[in-house]
Amino acid sequence: MAHEESTPAPSEENAVSAMSSIRAAGSRVIRPAPRPRPVDEPGPSGECVVDCAVYVDGHRLPGQWNHERALAEVRGRGAGFVWIGLYEPSSRQVDGVAETFSLHELAVEDAVHGHQRPKLEHYDDNLFMVLKTVSYVEHESPTTANEIVETGEVMTFIGKDFVVTVRRGQHSGLGRVRNDLEATPERLALGPAAVLHAIADYVVDSYLDVADRVEDDIDFAEEQVFSAHTSMSVEQIYMMKHEITEFRRAVIPLATPLRRLSEGGGGLVGDEVRPYFRDVEDHLTTVAERVNSYDELLANLVNAVLAKITVQQNTDMRKITAWVAIVAVPTMIAGIYGMNFDYMPELKWRFGYPMVIAVIVVSCVSLYRIFRRNRWL
């Protein structure tokens, strides 16, 4: 039976004050004592549903819900929205959710198979957004690491009264985002667009954290490249460049979807939320500039290492050439006197042999000093 009560829209002043705290998603918030509910991991027996909740006036309704009962409750009340989180669902597991919320089959296919680039698509009265999550992979040293960043995905469907999140990757959990939003009901009262903003803000903030860690690795690599006895190889720098390229593919394409959301998102993003998507876009721009600079710096480091190798090869060749010239003197003299002609100078002289040895030694020492003075040796 439908409820007769309705929820008054928040005033503009309340909306502004509510959204002013959205950027604090990563900060510490004093929360009430937690109530028992699913954590940010799939349920037992292989279930893909991480959490399913109904929010009215920014507050979570008590009880356990499935997607059908939750949506019926919201639409019966005529207020609030449903937020259901899924973790790596199969096609069979997501079919019921897709039918209940009338999700477009193309978007559902993308969510099931994953491996999508960041994008925003508008289907009828729903939005489908893909964000690439990035996590820093701990390692002992950039000179021995096989991987620096790891990527995952968060795919979000939003409508007027629901949010469906599908995530892929162990590091892409949204439990922290949900807890922070529940601790500030005035933000949740702004509806599904506020949830989408909180997710985007969380993901972009994680980009900033990863960028800081990656910058430390690149600084270390740069120091190694220009040290006298370097342990940084070209192959290792190429590996780092490949990882930065993967990071870049997660960051750069996200700018267009955020811009579209800041312009209204097909009518599903209210005027009170749009400015905060612009704020996320500004942070994304900062990350994009840093990632581009990392890519350029690594390209320069590759050129520097190749230049060092070329210089070292030239130095080695000069040393080899110098030693060959020195060895050529005794080889030439020994070759001449080994021809066994009868009439050769000084063959019968008592001091002929010592003289030849002396000539060889003086010639070799003179050549050695000349090459040392010219820094060939």
Protein backbone atom coordinates (compact mmCIF):
# COMPACT_ATOMS: atom_id res chain seq x y z
CA MET A 1 0.00 0.00 0.00
CA ALA A 2 1.42 3.36 -0.95
CA HIS A 3 2.37 5.75 1.81
CA GLU A 4 0.86 9.18 1.72
CA GLU A 5 3.81 10.95 3.23
CA SER A 6 6.18 12.96 1.02
CA THR A 7 9.63 14.35 1.54
CA PRO A 8 10.07 18.10 1.24
CA ALA A 9 12.89 19.14 -1.06
CA PRO A 10 15.88 20.61 0.80
CA SER A 11 16.30 24.34 0.50
CA GLU A 12 19.14 25.74 -1.56
CA GLU A 13 20.91 26.89 1.60
CA ASN A 14 20.68 23.44 3.16
CA ALA A 15 21.81 21.85 -0.10
CA VAL A 16 24.91 24.03 -0.27
CA SER A 17 25.81 23.31 3.34
CA ALA A 18 25.22 19.61 2.75
CA MET A 19 27.39 19.43 -0.33
CA SER A 20 30.18 21.46 1.25
CA SER A 21 31.13 18.32 3.14
CA ILE A 22 31.24 16.06 0.10
CA ARG A 23 34.94 16.76 -0.40
CA ALA A 24 35.52 15.38 3.11
CA ALA A 25 34.83 11.81 2.01
CA GLY A 26 38.35 10.81 2.92
CA SER A 27 38.52 12.67 6.23
CA ARG A 28 37.75 11.26 9.65
CA VAL A 29 34.13 11.51 10.66
CA ILE A 30 32.69 10.76 14.09
CA ARG A 31 30.15 8.07 13.35
CA PRO A 32 27.48 6.47 15.52
CA ALA A 33 28.01 2.93 16.73
CA PRO A 34 27.85 0.65 13.70
CA ARG A 35 24.88 -1.64 13.32
CA PRO A 36 25.29 -5.18 12.03
CA ARG A 37 25.09 -5.26 8.25
CA PRO A 38 27.08 -6.67 5.33
CA VAL A 39 30.63 -5.43 5.01
CA ASP A 40 32.29 -4.45 1.77
CA GLU A 41 32.75 -8.04 0.65
CA PRO A 42 30.44 -10.45 -1.15
CA GLY A 43 28.10 -12.51 0.96
CA PRO A 44 28.49 -16.21 1.70
CA SER A 45 27.96 -19.00 -0.80
CA GLY A 46 29.23 -16.94 -3.71
CA GLU A 47 26.59 -14.21 -3.63
CA CYS A 48 27.51 -11.11 -5.59
CA VAL A 49 25.41 -8.66 -3.52
CA VAL A 50 27.65 -6.70 -1.18
CA ASP A 51 24.94 -4.49 0.32
CA CYS A 52 21.40 -3.42 -0.45
CA ALA A 53 19.84 -0.51 1.42
CA VAL A 54 16.92 1.89 1.28
CA TYR A 55 17.53 5.56 2.10
CA VAL A 56 14.74 7.99 2.94
CA ASP A 57 15.49 11.60 3.89
CA GLY A 58 19.17 10.63 3.95
CA HIS A 59 18.69 7.90 6.58
CA ARG A 60 19.03 4.18 6.06
CA LEU A 61 15.91 2.19 6.81
CA PRO A 62 16.47 -0.77 9.14
CA GLY A 63 16.13 -4.34 7.99
CA GLN A 64 17.49 -6.64 5.30
CA TRP A 65 16.37 -5.95 1.76
CA ASN A 66 16.55 -7.53 -1.64
CA HIS A 67 16.39 -5.40 -4.76
CA GLU A 68 12.72 -6.08 -5.47
CA ARG A 69 11.44 -5.31 -1.97
CA ALA A 70 13.73 -2.29 -1.70
CA LEU A 71 12.49 -0.70 -4.93
CA ALA A 72 8.87 -1.48 -4.04
CA GLU A 73 9.37 0.23 -0.67
CA VAL A 74 10.82 3.37 -2.25
CA ARG A 75 8.17 3.64 -4.93
CA GLY A 76 5.43 2.87 -2.44
CA ARG A 77 6.61 5.74 -0.26
CA GLY A 78 7.19 8.03 -3.22
CA ALA A 79 10.43 9.14 -1.58
CA GLY A 80 14.02 7.99 -1.10
CA PHE A 81 16.16 5.69 -3.22
CA VAL A 82 17.75 2.23 -3.29
CA TRP A 83 21.48 1.62 -3.33
CA ILE A 84 22.58 -1.90 -4.17
CA GLY A 85 26.24 -2.86 -4.52
CA LEU A 86 27.38 -5.86 -6.57
CA TYR A 87 30.82 -7.44 -6.75
CA GLU A 88 31.87 -9.14 -10.00
CA PRO A 89 28.41 -10.51 -10.82
CA SER A 90 27.83 -13.09 -13.52
CA SER A 91 25.29 -12.56 -16.27
CA ARG A 92 22.81 -14.81 -14.48
CA GLN A 93 23.26 -13.03 -11.16
CA VAL A 94 22.70 -9.56 -12.63
CA ASP A 95 19.65 -10.44 -14.75
CA GLY A 96 17.17 -10.04 -11.91
CA VAL A 97 18.61 -6.69 -10.86
CA ALA A 98 18.61 -5.45 -14.45
CA GLU A 99 14.96 -6.41 -14.91
CA THR A 100 13.87 -4.82 -11.64
CA PHE A 101 15.55 -1.50 -12.33
CA SER A 102 14.95 -1.57 -16.12
CA LEU A 103 18.64 -1.33 -16.96
CA HIS A 104 19.58 -1.21 -20.63
CA GLU A 105 20.90 -4.51 -21.97
CA LEU A 106 23.99 -2.91 -23.55
CA ALA A 107 25.01 -1.28 -20.27
CA VAL A 108 24.35 -4.54 -18.41
CA GLU A 109 26.57 -6.39 -20.87
CA ASP A 110 29.37 -3.87 -20.26
CA ALA A 111 28.95 -4.25 -16.50
CA VAL A 112 29.09 -8.04 -16.65
CA HIS A 113 32.10 -8.36 -18.94
CA GLY A 114 34.06 -5.34 -17.66
CA HIS A 115 37.29 -4.10 -19.24
CA GLN A 116 35.64 -0.82 -20.21
CA ARG A 117 37.23 2.58 -20.63
CA PRO A 118 35.88 5.46 -18.48
CA LYS A 119 32.66 6.72 -20.02
CA LEU A 120 29.17 8.10 -19.36
CA GLU A 121 26.15 6.85 -21.31
CA HIS A 122 22.53 7.95 -21.16
CA TYR A 123 19.87 5.27 -21.62
CA ASP A 124 16.27 6.51 -21.45
CA ASP A 125 15.92 7.84 -17.89
CA ASN A 126 19.08 6.13 -16.54
CA LEU A 127 22.77 6.99 -16.52
CA PHE A 128 25.56 4.44 -16.79
CA MET A 129 29.06 5.55 -15.75
CA VAL A 130 32.31 3.60 -15.81
CA LEU A 131 35.26 4.64 -13.65
CA LYS A 132 38.62 2.92 -13.61
CA THR A 133 40.04 2.44 -10.12
CA VAL A 134 43.81 2.46 -9.60
CA SER A 135 45.78 0.95 -6.74
CA TYR A 136 49.51 1.24 -5.98
CA VAL A 137 51.28 -2.12 -5.81
CA GLU A 138 53.79 -2.27 -2.96
CA HIS A 139 57.33 -3.32 -3.92
CA GLU A 140 60.82 -3.20 -2.48
CA SER A 141 62.40 -1.11 -5.21
CA PRO A 142 61.48 0.27 -8.66
CA THR A 143 64.63 -1.45 -9.98
CA THR A 144 63.16 -4.90 -9.26
CA ALA A 145 59.40 -4.32 -9.42
CA ASN A 146 57.27 -6.18 -11.96
CA GLU A 147 54.16 -4.06 -11.39
CA ILE A 148 53.52 -0.59 -10.00
CA VAL A 149 49.80 0.06 -10.47
CA GLU A 150 46.80 -2.23 -10.59
CA THR A 151 43.48 -1.23 -12.11
CA GLY A 152 39.89 -2.20 -11.43
CA GLU A 153 36.47 -0.86 -12.35
CA VAL A 154 33.44 0.69 -10.71
CA MET A 155 30.36 0.82 -12.92
CA THR A 156 27.40 2.83 -11.66
CA PHE A 157 23.79 2.92 -12.83
CA ILE A 158 21.68 5.76 -11.48
CA GLY A 159 18.02 6.59 -11.94
CA LYS A 160 15.65 8.88 -10.12
CA ASP A 161 15.20 6.42 -7.25
CA PHE A 162 18.07 3.95 -7.39
CA VAL A 163 21.83 3.48 -7.55
CA VAL A 164 23.36 0.19 -8.69
CA THR A 165 27.14 -0.15 -8.37
CA VAL A 166 29.11 -2.98 -9.94
CA ARG A 167 32.74 -3.22 -9.03
CA ARG A 168 35.64 -5.33 -10.27
CA GLY A 169 39.00 -5.65 -8.56
CA GLN A 170 39.91 -6.38 -4.95
CA HIS A 171 40.96 -2.79 -4.25
CA SER A 172 37.84 -1.06 -5.58
CA GLY A 173 35.61 -1.40 -2.51
CA LEU A 174 33.04 1.30 -1.79
CA GLY A 175 32.36 0.48 1.85
CA ARG A 176 34.18 3.60 2.98
CA VAL A 177 32.12 5.79 0.63
CA ARG A 178 28.86 4.27 1.88
CA ASN A 179 29.86 4.69 5.53
CA ASP A 180 30.88 8.32 5.04
CA LEU A 181 27.63 9.11 3.27
CA GLU A 182 25.56 7.41 5.95
CA ALA A 183 27.39 9.47 8.56
CA THR A 184 26.18 12.67 6.81
CA PRO A 185 22.47 12.15 6.03
CA GLU A 186 22.12 15.62 4.56
CA ARG A 187 24.29 14.47 1.68
CA LEU A 188 22.32 11.29 1.07
CA ALA A 189 19.13 13.37 1.09
CA LEU A 190 20.28 14.91 -2.18
CA GLY A 191 19.63 11.60 -3.93
CA PRO A 192 21.46 9.25 -6.33
CA ALA A 193 23.48 12.08 -7.92
CA ALA A 194 25.15 12.73 -4.57
CA VAL A 195 26.13 9.04 -4.38
CA LEU A 196 27.59 9.19 -7.88
CA HIS A 197 29.55 12.30 -6.92
CA ALA A 198 30.89 10.64 -3.77
CA ILE A 199 32.05 7.62 -5.79
CA ALA A 200 33.72 9.79 -8.46
CA ASP A 201 35.33 11.95 -5.80
CA TYR A 202 36.64 8.89 -3.96
CA VAL A 203 38.11 7.39 -7.14
CA VAL A 204 39.80 10.63 -8.23
CA ASP A 205 41.22 11.17 -4.73
CA SER A 206 42.72 7.68 -4.94
CA TYR A 207 44.37 8.79 -8.21
CA LEU A 208 46.08 11.59 -6.30
CA ASP A 209 47.39 9.16 -3.68
CA VAL A 210 48.71 6.78 -6.34
CA ALA A 211 50.30 9.68 -8.24
CA ASP A 212 52.23 10.67 -5.09
CA ARG A 213 53.56 7.13 -4.64
CA VAL A 214 54.45 6.77 -8.31
CA GLU A 215 56.29 10.11 -8.25
CA ASP A 216 58.55 8.77 -5.48
CA ASP A 217 59.40 5.76 -7.65
CA ILE A 218 60.18 7.94 -10.65
CA ASP A 219 62.40 10.23 -8.54
CA PHE A 220 64.29 7.15 -7.34
CA ALA A 221 64.63 5.87 -10.91
CA GLU A 222 65.94 9.26 -12.07
CA GLU A 223 68.53 9.25 -9.30
CA GLN A 224 69.62 5.75 -10.28
CA VAL A 225 69.91 6.60 -13.96
CA PHE A 226 72.32 9.46 -13.33
CA SER A 227 74.37 7.72 -10.64
CA ALA A 228 77.85 6.45 -11.42
CA HIS A 229 77.04 2.78 -10.86
CA THR A 230 73.40 2.45 -11.83
CA SER A 231 71.19 -0.61 -11.34
CA MET A 232 68.37 0.82 -13.47
CA SER A 233 68.07 -0.84 -16.87
CA VAL A 234 66.22 0.31 -19.96
CA GLU A 235 63.86 -2.66 -19.60
CA GLN A 236 62.89 -1.56 -16.08
CA ILE A 237 62.17 1.99 -17.22
CA TYR A 238 60.04 0.64 -20.07
CA MET A 239 58.12 -1.38 -17.47
CA MET A 240 57.49 1.78 -15.46
CA LYS A 241 56.45 3.61 -18.62
CA HIS A 242 53.98 0.81 -19.40
CA GLU A 243 52.50 1.11 -15.92
CA ILE A 244 52.16 4.88 -16.29
CA THR A 245 50.40 4.32 -19.60
CA GLU A 246 47.93 2.05 -17.81
CA PHE A 247 47.42 4.75 -15.18
CA ARG A 248 46.96 7.33 -17.91
CA ARG A 249 44.26 5.27 -19.62
CA ALA A 250 42.28 5.32 -16.39
CA VAL A 251 42.62 9.08 -15.85
CA ILE A 252 42.47 10.91 -19.18
CA PRO A 253 39.16 9.58 -20.60
CA LEU A 254 37.30 10.43 -17.37
CA ALA A 255 37.40 14.18 -18.05
CA THR A 256 34.57 14.14 -20.61
CA PRO A 257 32.09 12.20 -18.42
CA LEU A 258 32.73 14.52 -15.47
CA ARG A 259 32.20 17.55 -17.68
CA ARG A 260 28.89 16.16 -18.90
CA LEU A 261 27.79 15.50 -15.32
CA SER A 262 28.69 19.05 -14.32
CA GLU A 263 26.41 20.20 -17.14
CA GLY A 264 23.42 18.25 -15.89
CA GLY A 265 23.87 14.60 -16.78
CA GLY A 266 20.67 14.32 -18.77
CA GLY A 267 18.53 15.86 -16.05
CA LEU A 268 19.53 13.35 -13.34
CA VAL A 269 22.04 15.67 -11.68
CA GLY A 270 20.46 18.54 -9.77
CA ASP A 271 21.69 22.11 -9.77
CA GLU A 272 22.93 21.74 -6.19
CA VAL A 273 25.26 18.85 -7.15
CA ARG A 274 26.65 20.04 -10.48
CA PRO A 275 29.32 22.42 -9.06
CA TYR A 276 30.83 19.56 -7.10
CA PHE A 277 31.35 17.51 -10.22
CA ARG A 278 33.29 20.50 -11.56
CA ASP A 279 35.43 20.33 -8.43
CA VAL A 280 36.15 16.64 -9.09
CA GLU A 281 36.97 17.53 -12.70
CA ASP A 282 39.50 20.11 -11.47
CA HIS A 283 41.20 17.47 -9.32
CA LEU A 284 41.21 15.08 -12.25
CA THR A 285 42.92 17.74 -14.37
CA THR A 286 45.66 17.99 -11.76
CA VAL A 287 46.18 14.22 -11.84
CA ALA A 288 46.15 14.17 -15.66
CA GLU A 289 48.85 16.84 -15.83
CA ARG A 290 51.01 14.92 -13.38
CA VAL A 291 50.57 11.62 -15.21
CA ASN A 292 51.45 13.26 -18.53
CA SER A 293 54.57 14.74 -16.96
CA TYR A 294 55.52 11.30 -15.59
CA ASP A 295 55.15 9.77 -19.03
CA GLU A 296 57.34 12.48 -20.57
CA LEU A 297 59.95 12.17 -17.82
CA LEU A 298 60.20 8.40 -18.26
CA ALA A 299 60.61 8.88 -22.01
CA ASN A 300 63.49 11.27 -21.27
CA LEU A 301 64.98 8.74 -18.84
CA VAL A 302 64.87 6.08 -21.54
CA ASN A 303 66.74 8.43 -23.87
CA ALA A 304 69.22 9.25 -21.10
CA VAL A 305 69.93 5.57 -20.44
CA LEU A 306 70.37 4.91 -24.15
CA ALA A 307 72.72 7.89 -24.36
CA LYS A 308 74.73 6.56 -21.42
CA ILE A 309 74.96 3.18 -23.11
CA THR A 310 76.16 4.83 -26.33
CA VAL A 311 78.77 6.88 -24.47
CA GLN A 312 79.92 3.78 -22.59
CA GLN A 313 80.22 1.85 -25.83
CA ASN A 314 82.27 4.66 -27.38
CA THR A 315 84.52 4.70 -24.33
CA ASP A 316 84.97 0.94 -24.47
CA MET A 317 85.77 1.11 -28.17
CA ARG A 318 88.42 3.78 -27.57
CA LYS A 319 90.02 1.63 -24.86
CA ILE A 320 90.00 -1.41 -27.08
CA THR A 321 91.49 0.58 -29.96
CA ALA A 322 94.23 2.00 -27.72
CA TRP A 323 95.23 -1.43 -26.40
CA VAL A 324 95.20 -2.86 -29.91
CA ALA A 325 97.59 -0.07 -31.01
CA ILE A 326 99.91 -0.80 -28.09
CA VAL A 327 99.90 -4.56 -28.71
CA ALA A 328 100.48 -3.98 -32.45
CA VAL A 329 104.05 -2.70 -31.82
CA PRO A 330 105.55 -5.89 -30.33
CA THR A 331 103.44 -7.96 -32.72
CA MET A 332 104.90 -6.11 -35.71
CA ILE A 333 108.49 -6.35 -34.52
CA ALA A 334 108.16 -10.01 -33.59
CA GLY A 335 106.56 -10.68 -36.98
CA ILE A 336 109.43 -9.03 -38.86
CA TYR A 337 112.14 -10.92 -37.01
CA GLY A 338 110.23 -14.14 -37.37
CA MET A 339 110.60 -14.17 -41.16
CA ASN A 340 113.93 -16.08 -40.93
CA PHE A 341 115.87 -14.15 -43.59
CA ASP A 342 119.65 -14.59 -43.49
CA TYR A 343 120.52 -10.95 -43.97
CA MET A 344 118.57 -9.11 -41.27
CA PRO A 345 120.15 -6.31 -39.23
CA GLU A 346 121.60 -7.13 -35.86
CA LEU A 347 120.96 -10.88 -36.05
CA LYS A 348 124.53 -11.71 -35.08
CA TRP A 349 124.94 -8.84 -32.62
CA ARG A 350 125.26 -9.85 -28.97
CA PHE A 351 122.99 -7.04 -27.80
CA GLY A 352 120.44 -7.36 -30.63
CA TYR A 353 117.86 -9.19 -28.53
CA PRO A 354 118.00 -6.77 -25.57
CA MET A 355 117.79 -3.87 -27.97
CA VAL A 356 114.63 -5.24 -29.63
CA ILE A 357 113.03 -5.76 -26.21
CA ALA A 358 113.98 -2.22 -25.19
CA VAL A 359 112.47 -0.78 -28.39
CA ILE A 360 109.25 -2.70 -27.76
CA VAL A 361 109.00 -1.52 -24.14
CA VAL A 362 109.77 2.13 -24.97
CA SER A 363 107.28 2.15 -27.84
CA CYS A 364 104.50 0.56 -25.75
CA VAL A 365 105.09 2.88 -22.79
CA SER A 366 105.11 5.93 -25.06
CA LEU A 367 101.84 4.91 -26.70
CA TYR A 368 100.28 4.19 -23.29
CA ARG A 369 101.23 7.66 -22.02
CA ILE A 370 99.86 9.31 -25.16
CA PHE A 371 96.52 7.48 -24.85
CA ARG A 372 96.30 8.28 -21.12
CA ARG A 373 96.96 11.95 -21.80
CA ASN A 374 94.17 11.94 -24.40
CA ARG A 375 91.87 10.06 -21.96
CA TRP A 376 91.50 7.02 -24.13
CA LEU A 377 92.68 4.84 -21.25
